[in-house]
Amino acid sequence: MRNVDILIVGQLSLDVNTDFGGREERVIGGAVLASGFAADATGAKVAVLAKGNRAIADPVAAFASRPNIEVIPVESATCTSISNVYHTADRERRTCRALSHVEPYAPEDIPEDVKARIYHVAGLMAGDVSDEMIERLSQLGDAAVDVQCLLRRDDGEQMAFHDWPAKQKYLPMIRYLKTDAAEAEILTGLTDREAAAKQLHAWGAKEVMITHNTEVILYDGETMYRAPLKPRNLTGRTGRGDTTFAGYLAMRLRKGIAESLRYAAALVSLKMETPGPFTGTEQDVYDYMHNWYDA
């Protein structure tokens, strides 16, 4: 049996990105990439359960620069590919369209010889990871879920967000829940982020994180924690929420909520200044906190 801190369940994606100026680039992306780099940099022992067609998006190659991350490839005849067309220079508004889908994760994909403290679900679209898969992971350890992969659906012309019908059944199985402000409103019908966090907690999630372009908040049933985002530029905006959540989870394994949230906010603020996943160190984040959060 191999013990890890965090097992991230999520596929890579071949992303076709068109920026505000009309320039197109093809890159390997996905929530698992940003999440894995951030958790590894924060000192967690990380394994990545990456499903897909390795001829199109090879997870071993994608994580080659992070030798401490254990990559567990799961074969799929297909691979996720997403078109992202950004409508503003800061990349806050975009149109997403699914070009292809990975084969869904199945319980038999979970390695029997790996034991994790946290099972982090970081899929990309509804159907990637089933509700039953979340239930199984919650039986093995603490389940952490980014709800993007439960709300974002392929409607043909573009991907759109819809409510999660089974949320009240499965939210009690989730220790760590992450949404952004728009997803929280879809789930709860509430525009106020604090009210939405309290509602999601009332439905059963234990620690509810809601990200926003100005701050990240977290509610644990007693206290509403918050930490501001302080990036000096937004060239690395893509992967903001994934980086925040994974950094929080990794730090939360050894620190309290307030310190973990503040660290995660500083981590993503620093990451947003450079395109791609976070390639710095934990000390880099603490230095950033000293310069921009403690001053």
Foldseek 3Di string as FASTA:
>chain_A
DAEWAEEEEEAKAFEWEQEQVGDTDTDIGFLQLQLVQLLVQLPTQYEYEYEADCVVPNVCVSCVVRVSYHYHYDYFPHHWYKYWYANDNLSPDIWIATPDDTQADDLVSDDPPYAYQEYEYGYAAARNYDLVNQLVRLVRHAYAYECNRQFWHHPPVTTDGAERVCLLVRQQSHAHYEYEQVNLCRHPVDNDPVVSQLVSVVSHHQWYWYHDQFWIWIDRNPDIEIEGADAPGQCAVPNLRSSLVSQLSSPVVPDPNNVSNNLSSLQSSVRRNDHDHDDDHSVVSVVSCVVPVVD
